Structure formats: structure tokens, C-alpha cells
Amino acid sequence: MSDHWRLALRYSAWLLGVAVLISAVLFLVYGGDHAWSFFYGAGAAILSFVSTALTISLFAGRSMAAGVMIGAGSFVVRLAFAAAVLGIPAYLGLWPVVPMLVGFAGVYVAENVAATVRVARTRNQPSAKPKAQGSAREEAGRRVGN
């Protein structure tokens, strides 16, 4: 299993566990409709998050143009998915909308926080630091204009 899939599945499991706990609290405080609505929104966002790992898998071994096309297509499909899974129940009035939107947005916020923390940790690792000054790679970058 590649690193991005391992990361996506680990974060998804963590987010799913948190969504279950929050849904349980909502069930006790507000009832089943609010709890289900929140869990539905969070579940939709988790599926969207995992689809990002699929997009990254599709990039592997492709040219830059194919990667951009796959990325753009994936972005449009994820937006359409989010609009459909959130918009249809909201339009039909199946359950409270606010908990559903909070669940969806909460997963996106948690994803970004987790990714930011992971990037911040890797920046402090010596293997992630740029090469020493005067290296051939730095010299090539200067010649190109970077």
C-alpha cells in the first residue's frame, strides 16, 4: 500500500471515529435526525477525502498534461458529488441541514489541520530540507532563473 493511501485511510478512520462520537452526543442532546444528518455530512466529506487518494494514484506514471486533466476532472467530479449529496437531502427536507453542513465542513477543516501538522513535522526532518548551498541542484536552479 502506498504512503498516500495509508495516510488517507488512517485519517479517514480517525475522522469516522470522531464523527461517530459527535453523532452520539447529538443523538443524546438533539435526537436521531440531527445525529444522522451530521453523520451523513461527515461521511460524504470522508468519501470525498478518500477520492483524493484515488486521484493521486491516477497521477502516478502519467505525463504532466494527463495529470492536469485527471486532477481537473477529479475536482469537478468531487464538487458535483458534494453538491448532489448535500443538495438533494437539503432540497427534499429529509433532515436538518445545519448539522449535515457542519459535519461536511468539519471533516474538511480536520483534513486541512491534519495535513498542515504533517507538513510542519516533515519540514523539521533533515531528510526533507533542501540540499546544501553550492550543490549542483542549487546551481542548476540559479541558471534557470529560480
Protein backbone atom coordinates (compact mmCIF):
# COMPACT_ATOMS: atom_id res chain seq x y z
CA MET A 1 0.00 0.00 0.00
CA SER A 2 1.41 3.37 -0.97
CA ASP A 3 2.00 6.17 1.52
CA HIS A 4 -0.84 8.39 0.30
CA TRP A 5 -3.36 5.52 0.59
CA ARG A 6 -2.09 4.63 4.05
CA LEU A 7 -2.38 8.28 5.10
CA ALA A 8 -5.85 8.69 3.56
CA LEU A 9 -7.19 5.54 5.21
CA ARG A 10 -5.66 6.38 8.59
CA TYR A 11 -7.11 9.89 8.60
CA SER A 12 -10.45 8.59 7.31
CA ALA A 13 -10.67 6.05 10.13
CA TRP A 14 -9.77 8.75 12.66
CA LEU A 15 -12.36 11.16 11.23
CA LEU A 16 -15.01 8.43 11.10
CA GLY A 17 -14.41 7.65 14.79
CA VAL A 18 -14.74 11.32 15.72
CA ALA A 19 -17.91 11.60 13.61
CA VAL A 20 -19.42 8.62 15.43
CA LEU A 21 -18.65 10.20 18.81
CA ILE A 22 -20.09 13.57 17.82
CA SER A 23 -23.16 11.87 16.33
CA ALA A 24 -23.68 10.00 19.60
CA VAL A 25 -23.60 13.28 21.55
CA LEU A 26 -26.00 14.87 19.06
CA PHE A 27 -28.31 11.87 19.40
CA LEU A 28 -28.41 12.27 23.18
CA VAL A 29 -28.91 16.05 23.05
CA TYR A 30 -31.00 16.70 19.91
CA GLY A 31 -32.27 13.31 18.75
CA GLY A 32 -31.80 10.97 15.84
CA ASP A 33 -32.47 13.36 12.97
CA HIS A 34 -29.66 15.72 13.94
CA ALA A 35 -27.26 12.86 14.69
CA TRP A 36 -27.95 11.16 11.34
CA SER A 37 -27.71 14.46 9.48
CA PHE A 38 -24.28 15.21 10.99
CA PHE A 39 -23.00 11.69 10.33
CA TYR A 40 -24.26 11.79 6.75
CA GLY A 41 -22.46 15.09 6.07
CA ALA A 42 -19.25 13.85 7.67
CA GLY A 43 -19.46 10.56 5.74
CA ALA A 44 -19.88 12.39 2.44
CA ALA A 45 -16.80 14.51 3.19
CA ILE A 46 -14.79 11.40 4.15
CA LEU A 47 -15.68 9.78 0.82
CA SER A 48 -14.58 12.94 -0.97
CA PHE A 49 -11.34 12.92 1.02
CA VAL A 50 -10.58 9.30 0.10
CA SER A 51 -11.25 10.10 -3.56
CA THR A 52 -8.26 12.44 -3.37
CA ALA A 53 -6.04 9.40 -2.77
CA LEU A 54 -7.58 7.81 -5.85
CA THR A 55 -6.76 10.93 -7.88
CA ILE A 56 -3.16 10.81 -6.70
CA SER A 57 -2.96 7.15 -7.71
CA LEU A 58 -4.15 8.08 -11.18
CA PHE A 59 -1.37 10.71 -11.47
CA ALA A 60 1.39 8.13 -10.98
CA GLY A 61 3.37 7.49 -14.12
CA ARG A 62 1.43 9.98 -16.24
CA SER A 63 2.64 12.96 -18.18
CA MET A 64 2.11 16.46 -16.81
CA ALA A 65 -0.74 17.15 -19.25
CA ALA A 66 -2.52 13.91 -18.36
CA GLY A 67 -2.03 14.65 -14.65
CA VAL A 68 -3.57 18.09 -15.01
CA MET A 69 -6.53 16.66 -16.94
CA ILE A 70 -7.07 13.94 -14.33
CA GLY A 71 -6.79 16.46 -11.50
CA ALA A 72 -9.21 18.90 -13.10
CA GLY A 73 -11.70 16.16 -13.90
CA SER A 74 -11.45 14.77 -10.40
CA PHE A 75 -12.01 18.21 -8.90
CA VAL A 76 -15.17 18.73 -10.96
CA VAL A 77 -16.47 15.27 -10.05
CA ARG A 78 -15.83 15.89 -6.32
CA LEU A 79 -17.66 19.22 -6.49
CA ALA A 80 -20.61 17.64 -8.29
CA PHE A 81 -20.63 14.82 -5.73
CA ALA A 82 -20.68 17.28 -2.83
CA ALA A 83 -23.44 19.34 -4.44
CA ALA A 84 -25.57 16.27 -5.06
CA VAL A 85 -25.13 14.51 -1.72
CA LEU A 86 -25.68 17.72 0.25
CA GLY A 87 -28.13 19.48 -2.04
CA ILE A 88 -30.64 16.71 -2.66
CA PRO A 89 -31.39 15.95 1.03
CA ALA A 90 -31.45 19.68 1.80
CA TYR A 91 -33.87 20.38 -1.07
CA LEU A 92 -36.13 17.48 -0.12
CA GLY A 93 -36.05 18.45 3.57
CA LEU A 94 -35.09 14.93 4.64
CA TRP A 95 -33.36 16.06 7.82
CA PRO A 96 -31.85 19.19 9.42
CA VAL A 97 -29.45 20.90 7.04
CA VAL A 98 -27.16 22.68 9.51
CA PRO A 99 -25.76 19.54 11.20
CA MET A 100 -25.17 17.99 7.77
CA LEU A 101 -23.23 21.03 6.56
CA VAL A 102 -21.30 21.26 9.85
CA GLY A 103 -20.32 17.59 9.53
CA PHE A 104 -19.18 18.08 5.94
CA ALA A 105 -17.26 21.29 6.66
CA GLY A 106 -15.83 19.87 9.90
CA VAL A 107 -14.20 16.99 8.06
CA TYR A 108 -12.64 19.40 5.56
CA VAL A 109 -11.29 21.57 8.38
CA ALA A 110 -9.91 18.50 10.18
CA GLU A 111 -8.27 17.29 6.95
CA ASN A 112 -6.52 20.62 6.44
CA VAL A 113 -5.37 20.83 10.05
CA ALA A 114 -4.03 17.27 9.92
CA ALA A 115 -2.25 17.92 6.62
CA THR A 116 -0.75 21.16 7.93
CA VAL A 117 0.53 19.45 11.07
CA ARG A 118 2.03 16.63 8.98
CA VAL A 119 3.77 19.08 6.65
CA ALA A 120 5.07 21.11 9.59
CA ARG A 121 6.53 17.95 11.14
CA THR A 122 8.27 16.87 7.93
CA ARG A 123 9.81 20.32 7.48
CA ASN A 124 11.81 19.76 10.68
CA GLN A 125 13.30 16.49 9.41
CA PRO A 126 16.82 16.75 7.96
CA SER A 127 15.88 14.49 5.03
CA ALA A 128 13.18 16.97 3.99
CA LYS A 129 15.49 20.00 3.97
CA PRO A 130 16.93 21.39 0.71
CA LYS A 131 20.41 20.38 -0.36
CA ALA A 132 23.41 22.23 0.99
CA GLN A 133 24.31 25.56 -0.57
CA GLY A 134 26.56 25.33 -3.56
CA SER A 135 25.17 21.95 -4.63
CA ALA A 136 24.73 21.06 -8.29
CA ARG A 137 20.95 21.15 -7.89
CA GLU A 138 21.01 24.69 -6.49
CA GLU A 139 23.38 25.80 -9.23
CA ALA A 140 21.04 24.39 -11.92
CA GLY A 141 18.14 26.26 -10.30
CA ARG A 142 20.08 29.53 -10.46
CA ARG A 143 20.83 29.03 -14.14
CA VAL A 144 17.15 28.51 -14.91
CA GLY A 145 16.25 31.66 -13.02
CA ASN A 146 14.81 30.28 -9.77
